[in-house]
Structures are given as structure tokens and as C-alpha cells.
Amino acid sequence: MACQVTLEFKVKQDCIEKLRTWMREVLPDTRGYDGCISISLVQDQDDPTAFAAIEQWDTRQHYEKYRQWRNETGVLEDLIAMMDGEPSFRFFNYFGV
């Protein structure tokens, strides 16, 4: 069963455009990674420093493998350097209605 992953985070005010450029560079590899169905990045209308990555993966295990790979390659370090605070990860199953 597919897994919905929601990553919510805030970035430093001066990193908003840097994040846009960075995401354009890294998301093609994410979208091509084994098990990735889709990923979209959305920005809060009321707080432009708040973002959410809405992701669909074949399984949570696929996502965990992907996240480990991103950690090993240093990509997560780059994202964390732009963040203002801790990210929030949530995992959902489709309810079937």
C-alpha cells in the first residue's frame, strides 16, 4: 500500500530563494528514486518561510531507504542549514474512502 509522507519545515527568511534553486537541483533525483510516486513542495500563503513536501512512496521502507541515501550524500545537511527549527515528518496510509 502506498505511503503518504508529509515533511513540514520552516526556512530562514534569507534562504527562501536559495531553497527554490536547491530544490530544482535535487528533486529530479528524488522523483527518479526507486519507490517515489510523486513529490510536491508547497509554500504557506500566510507564512512564506513555512513549507511542506507532500510525497507519495510505494512503501514507507522505500522512503526510509531514500532518506538514508540523502543523509549519506550530505543533501540533508544542506537542507538543515537553510532551516529555521526542526522539521516534522508524518507518515500516512490511505484510508480507502
PDB file of N, CA and C in Angstrom:
ATOM      1  N   MET A   1       0.840  -1.178   0.000  1.00  0.00           N
ATOM      2  CA  MET A   1       0.000   0.000   0.000  1.00  0.00           C
ATOM      3  C   MET A   1       0.887   1.243   0.000  1.00  0.00           C
ATOM      4  N   ALA A   2       0.535   2.228  -0.808  1.00  0.00           N
ATOM      5  CA  ALA A   2       1.310   3.463  -0.897  1.00  0.00           C
ATOM      6  C   ALA A   2       1.305   4.212   0.430  1.00  0.00           C
ATOM      7  N   CYS A   3       2.379   4.942   0.656  1.00  0.00           N
ATOM      8  CA  CYS A   3       2.564   5.718   1.880  1.00  0.00           C
ATOM      9  C   CYS A   3       2.639   7.198   1.515  1.00  0.00           C
ATOM     10  N   GLN A   4       1.873   8.001   2.222  1.00  0.00           N
ATOM     11  CA  GLN A   4       1.936   9.459   2.063  1.00  0.00           C
ATOM     12  C   GLN A   4       2.871   9.998   3.138  1.00  0.00           C
ATOM     13  N   VAL A   5       3.879  10.747   2.728  1.00  0.00           N
ATOM     14  CA  VAL A   5       4.832  11.353   3.656  1.00  0.00           C
ATOM     15  C   VAL A   5       4.665  12.859   3.579  1.00  0.00           C
ATOM     16  N   THR A   6       4.554  13.489   4.737  1.00  0.00           N
ATOM     17  CA  THR A   6       4.488  14.939   4.795  1.00  0.00           C
ATOM     18  C   THR A   6       5.655  15.431   5.629  1.00  0.00           C
ATOM     19  N   LEU A   7       6.492  16.238   5.016  1.00  0.00           N
ATOM     20  CA  LEU A   7       7.618  16.866   5.687  1.00  0.00           C
ATOM     21  C   LEU A   7       7.303  18.348   5.784  1.00  0.00           C
ATOM     22  N   GLU A   8       7.168  18.845   7.009  1.00  0.00           N
ATOM     23  CA  GLU A   8       6.902  20.263   7.214  1.00  0.00           C
ATOM     24  C   GLU A   8       8.125  20.905   7.851  1.00  0.00           C
ATOM     25  N   PHE A   9       8.482  22.088   7.355  1.00  0.00           N
ATOM     26  CA  PHE A   9       9.649  22.775   7.887  1.00  0.00           C
ATOM     27  C   PHE A   9       9.564  24.263   7.581  1.00  0.00           C
ATOM     28  N   LYS A  10      10.346  25.036   8.321  1.00  0.00           N
ATOM     29  CA  LYS A  10      10.485  26.468   8.082  1.00  0.00           C
ATOM     30  C   LYS A  10      11.924  26.733   7.665  1.00  0.00           C
ATOM     31  N   VAL A  11      12.083  27.720   6.812  1.00  0.00           N
ATOM     32  CA  VAL A  11      13.432  28.124   6.409  1.00  0.00           C
ATOM     33  C   VAL A  11      13.689  29.548   6.895  1.00  0.00           C
ATOM     34  N   LYS A  12      14.954  29.866   6.992  1.00  0.00           N
ATOM     35  CA  LYS A  12      15.338  31.225   7.350  1.00  0.00           C
ATOM     36  C   LYS A  12      14.855  32.165   6.246  1.00  0.00           C
ATOM     37  N   GLN A  13      14.416  33.350   6.636  1.00  0.00           N
ATOM     38  CA  GLN A  13      13.863  34.322   5.678  1.00  0.00           C
ATOM     39  C   GLN A  13      14.783  34.550   4.483  1.00  0.00           C
ATOM     40  N   ASP A  14      16.080  34.631   4.745  1.00  0.00           N
ATOM     41  CA  ASP A  14      17.014  34.913   3.653  1.00  0.00           C
ATOM     42  C   ASP A  14      17.367  33.677   2.824  1.00  0.00           C
ATOM     43  N   CYS A  15      16.721  32.547   3.100  1.00  0.00           N
ATOM     44  CA  CYS A  15      17.010  31.307   2.360  1.00  0.00           C
ATOM     45  C   CYS A  15      15.874  30.861   1.448  1.00  0.00           C
ATOM     46  N   ILE A  16      14.820  31.650   1.335  1.00  0.00           N
ATOM     47  CA  ILE A  16      13.662  31.223   0.533  1.00  0.00           C
ATOM     48  C   ILE A  16      14.053  30.988  -0.927  1.00  0.00           C
ATOM     49  N   GLU A  17      14.719  31.932  -1.550  1.00  0.00           N
ATOM     50  CA  GLU A  17      15.104  31.758  -2.958  1.00  0.00           C
ATOM     51  C   GLU A  17      16.196  30.699  -3.104  1.00  0.00           C
ATOM     52  N   LYS A  18      17.079  30.622  -2.127  1.00  0.00           N
ATOM     53  CA  LYS A  18      18.108  29.579  -2.149  1.00  0.00           C
ATOM     54  C   LYS A  18      17.452  28.195  -2.109  1.00  0.00           C
ATOM     55  N   LEU A  19      16.392  28.060  -1.299  1.00  0.00           N
ATOM     56  CA  LEU A  19      15.665  26.792  -1.225  1.00  0.00           C
ATOM     57  C   LEU A  19      15.047  26.451  -2.580  1.00  0.00           C
ATOM     58  N   ARG A  20      14.463  27.425  -3.238  1.00  0.00           N
ATOM     59  CA  ARG A  20      13.837  27.184  -4.549  1.00  0.00           C
ATOM     60  C   ARG A  20      14.873  26.637  -5.549  1.00  0.00           C
ATOM     61  N   THR A  21      16.021  27.292  -5.612  1.00  0.00           N
ATOM     62  CA  THR A  21      17.088  26.850  -6.511  1.00  0.00           C
ATOM     63  C   THR A  21      17.581  25.466  -6.138  1.00  0.00           C
ATOM     64  N   TRP A  22      17.785  25.254  -4.863  1.00  0.00           N
ATOM     65  CA  TRP A  22      18.287  23.970  -4.359  1.00  0.00           C
ATOM     66  C   TRP A  22      17.307  22.842  -4.680  1.00  0.00           C
ATOM     67  N   MET A  23      16.020  23.084  -4.443  1.00  0.00           N
ATOM     68  CA  MET A  23      15.007  22.053  -4.721  1.00  0.00           C
ATOM     69  C   MET A  23      14.956  21.707  -6.207  1.00  0.00           C
ATOM     70  N   ARG A  24      15.109  22.702  -7.051  1.00  0.00           N
ATOM     71  CA  ARG A  24      15.124  22.436  -8.500  1.00  0.00           C
ATOM     72  C   ARG A  24      16.279  21.520  -8.879  1.00  0.00           C
ATOM     73  N   GLU A  25      17.363  21.599  -8.121  1.00  0.00           N
ATOM     74  CA  GLU A  25      18.522  20.749  -8.386  1.00  0.00           C
ATOM     75  C   GLU A  25      18.339  19.334  -7.846  1.00  0.00           C
ATOM     76  N   VAL A  26      17.735  19.184  -6.664  1.00  0.00           N
ATOM     77  CA  VAL A  26      17.695  17.865  -6.025  1.00  0.00           C
ATOM     78  C   VAL A  26      16.419  17.069  -6.301  1.00  0.00           C
ATOM     79  N   LEU A  27      15.308  17.739  -6.599  1.00  0.00           N
ATOM     80  CA  LEU A  27      14.061  16.989  -6.777  1.00  0.00           C
ATOM     81  C   LEU A  27      14.039  16.034  -7.970  1.00  0.00           C
ATOM     82  N   PRO A  28      14.731  16.319  -9.068  1.00  0.00           N
ATOM     83  CA  PRO A  28      14.736  15.314 -10.142  1.00  0.00           C
ATOM     84  C   PRO A  28      15.278  13.954  -9.674  1.00  0.00           C
ATOM     85  N   ASP A  29      16.319  13.954  -8.847  1.00  0.00           N
ATOM     86  CA  ASP A  29      16.844  12.688  -8.318  1.00  0.00           C
ATOM     87  C   ASP A  29      15.858  12.027  -7.368  1.00  0.00           C
ATOM     88  N   THR A  30      15.139  12.836  -6.603  1.00  0.00           N
ATOM     89  CA  THR A  30      14.125  12.288  -5.709  1.00  0.00           C
ATOM     90  C   THR A  30      13.021  11.625  -6.514  1.00  0.00           C
ATOM     91  N   ARG A  31      12.540  12.329  -7.521  1.00  0.00           N
ATOM     92  CA  ARG A  31      11.442  11.800  -8.338  1.00  0.00           C
ATOM     93  C   ARG A  31      11.847  10.533  -9.084  1.00  0.00           C
ATOM     94  N   GLY A  32      13.125  10.390  -9.365  1.00  0.00           N
ATOM     95  CA  GLY A  32      13.617   9.209 -10.059  1.00  0.00           C
ATOM     96  C   GLY A  32      14.045   8.078  -9.138  1.00  0.00           C
ATOM     97  N   TYR A  33      13.987   8.310  -7.823  1.00  0.00           N
ATOM     98  CA  TYR A  33      14.447   7.293  -6.878  1.00  0.00           C
ATOM     99  C   TYR A  33      13.435   6.150  -6.788  1.00  0.00           C
ATOM    100  N   ASP A  34      13.937   4.946  -6.628  1.00  0.00           N
ATOM    101  CA  ASP A  34      13.095   3.751  -6.549  1.00  0.00           C
ATOM    102  C   ASP A  34      12.014   3.906  -5.484  1.00  0.00           C
ATOM    103  N   GLY A  35      10.778   3.780  -5.888  1.00  0.00           N
ATOM    104  CA  GLY A  35       9.655   3.825  -4.959  1.00  0.00           C
ATOM    105  C   GLY A  35       8.957   5.160  -4.875  1.00  0.00           C
ATOM    106  N   CYS A  36       9.555   6.208  -5.445  1.00  0.00           N
ATOM    107  CA  CYS A  36       8.912   7.526  -5.394  1.00  0.00           C
ATOM    108  C   CYS A  36       7.799   7.582  -6.437  1.00  0.00           C
ATOM    109  N   ILE A  37       6.600   7.865  -5.980  1.00  0.00           N
ATOM    110  CA  ILE A  37       5.455   8.024  -6.877  1.00  0.00           C
ATOM    111  C   ILE A  37       5.321   9.492  -7.281  1.00  0.00           C
ATOM    112  N   SER A  38       5.411  10.387  -6.278  1.00  0.00           N
ATOM    113  CA  SER A  38       5.326  11.818  -6.565  1.00  0.00           C
ATOM    114  C   SER A  38       5.839  12.617  -5.371  1.00  0.00           C
ATOM    115  N   ILE A  39       6.219  13.861  -5.653  1.00  0.00           N
ATOM    116  CA  ILE A  39       6.598  14.790  -4.608  1.00  0.00           C
ATOM    117  C   ILE A  39       6.279  16.198  -5.091  1.00  0.00           C
ATOM    118  N   SER A  40       5.670  16.982  -4.215  1.00  0.00           N
ATOM    119  CA  SER A  40       5.367  18.384  -4.490  1.00  0.00           C
ATOM    120  C   SER A  40       5.808  19.204  -3.287  1.00  0.00           C
ATOM    121  N   LEU A  41       6.334  20.378  -3.555  1.00  0.00           N
ATOM    122  CA  LEU A  41       6.714  21.290  -2.490  1.00  0.00           C
ATOM    123  C   LEU A  41       5.718  22.439  -2.499  1.00  0.00           C
ATOM    124  N   VAL A  42       5.138  22.730  -1.334  1.00  0.00           N
ATOM    125  CA  VAL A  42       4.171  23.812  -1.224  1.00  0.00           C
ATOM    126  C   VAL A  42       4.649  24.810  -0.180  1.00  0.00           C
ATOM    127  N   GLN A  43       4.249  26.079  -0.394  1.00  0.00           N
ATOM    128  CA  GLN A  43       4.640  27.176   0.485  1.00  0.00           C
ATOM    129  C   GLN A  43       3.381  27.763   1.107  1.00  0.00           C
ATOM    130  N   ASP A  44       3.435  28.006   2.402  1.00  0.00           N
ATOM    131  CA  ASP A  44       2.307  28.561   3.150  1.00  0.00           C
ATOM    132  C   ASP A  44       1.979  29.964   2.646  1.00  0.00           C
ATOM    133  N   GLN A  45       0.713  30.241   2.389  1.00  0.00           N
ATOM    134  CA  GLN A  45       0.291  31.555   1.899  1.00  0.00           C
ATOM    135  C   GLN A  45       0.435  32.640   2.958  1.00  0.00           C
ATOM    136  N   ASP A  46       0.297  32.277   4.224  1.00  0.00           N
ATOM    137  CA  ASP A  46       0.346  33.262   5.299  1.00  0.00           C
ATOM    138  C   ASP A  46       1.721  33.409   5.926  1.00  0.00           C
ATOM    139  N   ASP A  47       2.571  32.423   5.746  1.00  0.00           N
ATOM    140  CA  ASP A  47       3.934  32.461   6.286  1.00  0.00           C
ATOM    141  C   ASP A  47       4.876  31.928   5.214  1.00  0.00           C
ATOM    142  N   PRO A  48       5.479  32.805   4.420  1.00  0.00           N
ATOM    143  CA  PRO A  48       6.301  32.355   3.299  1.00  0.00           C
ATOM    144  C   PRO A  48       7.563  31.590   3.694  1.00  0.00           C
ATOM    145  N   THR A  49       7.877  31.532   4.978  1.00  0.00           N
ATOM    146  CA  THR A  49       9.032  30.728   5.418  1.00  0.00           C
ATOM    147  C   THR A  49       8.629  29.293   5.744  1.00  0.00           C
ATOM    148  N   ALA A  50       7.336  28.990   5.689  1.00  0.00           N
ATOM    149  CA  ALA A  50       6.838  27.648   6.023  1.00  0.00           C
ATOM    150  C   ALA A  50       6.561  26.853   4.748  1.00  0.00           C
ATOM    151  N   PHE A  51       7.080  25.624   4.729  1.00  0.00           N
ATOM    152  CA  PHE A  51       6.952  24.753   3.565  1.00  0.00           C
ATOM    153  C   PHE A  51       6.506  23.366   3.979  1.00  0.00           C
ATOM    154  N   ALA A  52       5.968  22.645   3.019  1.00  0.00           N
ATOM    155  CA  ALA A  52       5.656  21.235   3.211  1.00  0.00           C
ATOM    156  C   ALA A  52       6.009  20.496   1.925  1.00  0.00           C
ATOM    157  N   ALA A  53       6.652  19.359   2.081  1.00  0.00           N
ATOM    158  CA  ALA A  53       6.880  18.444   0.967  1.00  0.00           C
ATOM    159  C   ALA A  53       5.821  17.362   1.100  1.00  0.00           C
ATOM    160  N   ILE A  54       4.981  17.244   0.086  1.00  0.00           N
ATOM    161  CA  ILE A  54       3.908  16.248   0.058  1.00  0.00           C
ATOM    162  C   ILE A  54       4.389  15.140  -0.864  1.00  0.00           C
ATOM    163  N   GLU A  55       4.620  13.969  -0.288  1.00  0.00           N
ATOM    164  CA  GLU A  55       5.262  12.891  -1.038  1.00  0.00           C
ATOM    165  C   GLU A  55       4.420  11.622  -1.008  1.00  0.00           C
ATOM    166  N   GLN A  56       4.478  10.875  -2.090  1.00  0.00           N
ATOM    167  CA  GLN A  56       3.879   9.547  -2.160  1.00  0.00           C
ATOM    168  C   GLN A  56       4.979   8.563  -2.518  1.00  0.00           C
ATOM    169  N   TRP A  57       5.044   7.493  -1.733  1.00  0.00           N
ATOM    170  CA  TRP A  57       6.036   6.441  -1.940  1.00  0.00           C
ATOM    171  C   TRP A  57       5.327   5.101  -1.999  1.00  0.00           C
ATOM    172  N   ASP A  58       5.947   4.161  -2.703  1.00  0.00           N
ATOM    173  CA  ASP A  58       5.365   2.814  -2.768  1.00  0.00           C
ATOM    174  C   ASP A  58       5.147   2.256  -1.368  1.00  0.00           C
ATOM    175  N   THR A  59       6.146   2.414  -0.502  1.00  0.00           N
ATOM    176  CA  THR A  59       6.066   1.953   0.882  1.00  0.00           C
ATOM    177  C   THR A  59       6.888   2.895   1.767  1.00  0.00           C
ATOM    178  N   ARG A  60       6.668   2.822   3.059  1.00  0.00           N
ATOM    179  CA  ARG A  60       7.480   3.606   3.982  1.00  0.00           C
ATOM    180  C   ARG A  60       8.937   3.159   3.925  1.00  0.00           C
ATOM    181  N   GLN A  61       9.163   1.876   3.678  1.00  0.00           N
ATOM    182  CA  GLN A  61      10.524   1.355   3.578  1.00  0.00           C
ATOM    183  C   GLN A  61      11.271   1.991   2.403  1.00  0.00           C
ATOM    184  N   HIS A  62      10.582   2.201   1.295  1.00  0.00           N
ATOM    185  CA  HIS A  62      11.206   2.898   0.163  1.00  0.00           C
ATOM    186  C   HIS A  62      11.637   4.299   0.586  1.00  0.00           C
ATOM    187  N   TYR A  63      10.749   4.994   1.305  1.00  0.00           N
ATOM    188  CA  TYR A  63      11.082   6.340   1.745  1.00  0.00           C
ATOM    189  C   TYR A  63      12.259   6.322   2.713  1.00  0.00           C
ATOM    190  N   GLU A  64      12.268   5.397   3.655  1.00  0.00           N
ATOM    191  CA  GLU A  64      13.355   5.316   4.637  1.00  0.00           C
ATOM    192  C   GLU A  64      14.693   5.052   3.948  1.00  0.00           C
ATOM    193  N   LYS A  65      14.676   4.201   2.927  1.00  0.00           N
ATOM    194  CA  LYS A  65      15.906   3.923   2.167  1.00  0.00           C
ATOM    195  C   LYS A  65      16.366   5.188   1.447  1.00  0.00           C
ATOM    196  N   TYR A  66      15.420   5.900   0.851  1.00  0.00           N
ATOM    197  CA  TYR A  66      15.735   7.165   0.184  1.00  0.00           C
ATOM    198  C   TYR A  66      16.321   8.167   1.169  1.00  0.00           C
ATOM    199  N   ARG A  67      15.701   8.319   2.310  1.00  0.00           N
ATOM    200  CA  ARG A  67      16.174   9.289   3.310  1.00  0.00           C
ATOM    201  C   ARG A  67      17.583   8.941   3.796  1.00  0.00           C
ATOM    202  N   GLN A  68      17.852   7.670   3.971  1.00  0.00           N
ATOM    203  CA  GLN A  68      19.191   7.244   4.373  1.00  0.00           C
ATOM    204  C   GLN A  68      20.209   7.624   3.295  1.00  0.00           C
ATOM    205  N   TRP A  69      19.848   7.404   2.040  1.00  0.00           N
ATOM    206  CA  TRP A  69      20.727   7.772   0.929  1.00  0.00           C
ATOM    207  C   TRP A  69      20.999   9.274   0.915  1.00  0.00           C
ATOM    208  N   ARG A  70      19.959  10.076   1.110  1.00  0.00           N
ATOM    209  CA  ARG A  70      20.124  11.533   1.139  1.00  0.00           C
ATOM    210  C   ARG A  70      21.006  11.965   2.312  1.00  0.00           C
ATOM    211  N   ASN A  71      20.887  11.287   3.420  1.00  0.00           N
ATOM    212  CA  ASN A  71      21.726  11.589   4.574  1.00  0.00           C
ATOM    213  C   ASN A  71      23.189  11.263   4.272  1.00  0.00           C
ATOM    214  N   GLU A  72      23.428  10.099   3.657  1.00  0.00           N
ATOM    215  CA  GLU A  72      24.793   9.672   3.334  1.00  0.00           C
ATOM    216  C   GLU A  72      25.466  10.588   2.320  1.00  0.00           C
ATOM    217  N   THR A  73      24.692  11.169   1.399  1.00  0.00           N
ATOM    218  CA  THR A  73      25.261  12.023   0.362  1.00  0.00           C
ATOM    219  C   THR A  73      25.416  13.477   0.809  1.00  0.00           C
ATOM    220  N   GLY A  74      24.944  13.819   1.996  1.00  0.00           N
ATOM    221  CA  GLY A  74      25.083  15.171   2.527  1.00  0.00           C
ATOM    222  C   GLY A  74      23.987  16.135   2.119  1.00  0.00           C
ATOM    223  N   VAL A  75      23.024  15.669   1.344  1.00  0.00           N
ATOM    224  CA  VAL A  75      21.951  16.549   0.885  1.00  0.00           C
ATOM    225  C   VAL A  75      21.097  17.034   2.056  1.00  0.00           C
ATOM    226  N   LEU A  76      20.834  16.171   3.020  1.00  0.00           N
ATOM    227  CA  LEU A  76      20.035  16.592   4.168  1.00  0.00           C
ATOM    228  C   LEU A  76      20.741  17.683   4.972  1.00  0.00           C
ATOM    229  N   GLU A  77      22.049  17.606   5.056  1.00  0.00           N
ATOM    230  CA  GLU A  77      22.813  18.656   5.747  1.00  0.00           C
ATOM    231  C   GLU A  77      22.583  20.012   5.087  1.00  0.00           C
ATOM    232  N   ASP A  78      22.553  20.036   3.767  1.00  0.00           N
ATOM    233  CA  ASP A  78      22.317  21.281   3.035  1.00  0.00           C
ATOM    234  C   ASP A  78      20.940  21.858   3.378  1.00  0.00           C
ATOM    235  N   LEU A  79      19.941  20.998   3.418  1.00  0.00           N
ATOM    236  CA  LEU A  79      18.584  21.445   3.740  1.00  0.00           C
ATOM    237  C   LEU A  79      18.516  21.938   5.183  1.00  0.00           C
ATOM    238  N   ILE A  80      19.086  21.198   6.096  1.00  0.00           N
ATOM    239  CA  ILE A  80      19.054  21.576   7.509  1.00  0.00           C
ATOM    240  C   ILE A  80      19.716  22.936   7.722  1.00  0.00           C
ATOM    241  N   ALA A  81      20.760  23.239   6.959  1.00  0.00           N
ATOM    242  CA  ALA A  81      21.450  24.526   7.089  1.00  0.00           C
ATOM    243  C   ALA A  81      20.534  25.703   6.720  1.00  0.00           C
ATOM    244  N   MET A  82      19.530  25.458   5.866  1.00  0.00           N
ATOM    245  CA  MET A  82      18.597  26.514   5.482  1.00  0.00           C
ATOM    246  C   MET A  82      17.413  26.619   6.426  1.00  0.00           C
ATOM    247  N   MET A  83      17.200  25.605   7.252  1.00  0.00           N
ATOM    248  CA  MET A  83      16.018  25.544   8.108  1.00  0.00           C
ATOM    249  C   MET A  83      16.116  26.451   9.321  1.00  0.00           C
ATOM    250  N   ASP A  84      14.946  26.851   9.765  1.00  0.00           N
ATOM    251  CA  ASP A  84      14.793  27.603  10.998  1.00  0.00           C
ATOM    252  C   ASP A  84      13.963  26.727  11.932  1.00  0.00           C
ATOM    253  N   GLY A  85      14.637  25.876  12.702  1.00  0.00           N
ATOM    254  CA  GLY A  85      13.938  24.950  13.583  1.00  0.00           C
ATOM    255  C   GLY A  85      13.985  23.528  13.059  1.00  0.00           C
ATOM    256  N   GLU A  86      13.317  22.665  13.783  1.00  0.00           N
ATOM    257  CA  GLU A  86      13.293  21.240  13.465  1.00  0.00           C
ATOM    258  C   GLU A  86      12.188  20.910  12.469  1.00  0.00           C
ATOM    259  N   PRO A  87      12.444  19.987  11.560  1.00  0.00           N
ATOM    260  CA  PRO A  87      11.398  19.543  10.632  1.00  0.00           C
ATOM    261  C   PRO A  87      10.437  18.567  11.325  1.00  0.00           C
ATOM    262  N   SER A  88       9.273  18.415  10.731  1.00  0.00           N
ATOM    263  CA  SER A  88       8.274  17.462  11.219  1.00  0.00           C
ATOM    264  C   SER A  88       7.971  16.467  10.103  1.00  0.00           C
ATOM    265  N   PHE A  89       8.123  15.183  10.391  1.00  0.00           N
ATOM    266  CA  PHE A  89       7.815  14.117   9.439  1.00  0.00           C
ATOM    267  C   PHE A  89       6.553  13.412   9.896  1.00  0.00           C
ATOM    268  N   ARG A  90       5.625  13.180   8.958  1.00  0.00           N
ATOM    269  CA  ARG A  90       4.412  12.423   9.270  1.00  0.00           C
ATOM    270  C   ARG A  90       4.187  11.420   8.150  1.00  0.00           C
ATOM    271  N   PHE A  91       3.726  10.238   8.528  1.00  0.00           N
ATOM    272  CA  PHE A  91       3.516   9.136   7.583  1.00  0.00           C
ATOM    273  C   PHE A  91       2.048   8.724   7.651  1.00  0.00           C
ATOM    274  N   PHE A  92       1.425   8.614   6.499  1.00  0.00           N
ATOM    275  CA  PHE A  92       0.004   8.297   6.428  1.00  0.00           C
ATOM    276  C   PHE A  92      -0.248   7.108   5.513  1.00  0.00           C
ATOM    277  N   ASN A  93      -1.247   6.316   5.864  1.00  0.00           N
ATOM    278  CA  ASN A  93      -1.798   5.292   4.989  1.00  0.00           C
ATOM    279  C   ASN A  93      -3.069   5.864   4.360  1.00  0.00           C
ATOM    280  N   TYR A  94      -3.355   5.441   3.150  1.00  0.00           N
ATOM    281  CA  TYR A  94      -4.598   5.862   2.519  1.00  0.00           C
ATOM    282  C   TYR A  94      -5.756   5.134   3.171  1.00  0.00           C
ATOM    283  N   PHE A  95      -6.813   5.870   3.460  1.00  0.00           N
ATOM    284  CA  PHE A  95      -7.933   5.369   4.238  1.00  0.00           C
ATOM    285  C   PHE A  95      -8.943   4.597   3.393  1.00  0.00           C
ATOM    286  N   GLY A  96      -8.902   4.784   2.091  1.00  0.00           N
ATOM    287  CA  GLY A  96      -9.740   3.987   1.199  1.00  0.00           C
ATOM    288  C   GLY A  96     -11.176   4.451   1.053  1.00  0.00           C
ATOM    289  N   VAL A  97     -11.425   5.727   1.235  1.00  0.00           N
ATOM    290  CA  VAL A  97     -12.786   6.245   1.024  1.00  0.00           C
ATOM    291  C   VAL A  97     -12.765   7.369   0.022  1.00  0.00           C
TER     292      VAL A  97
END
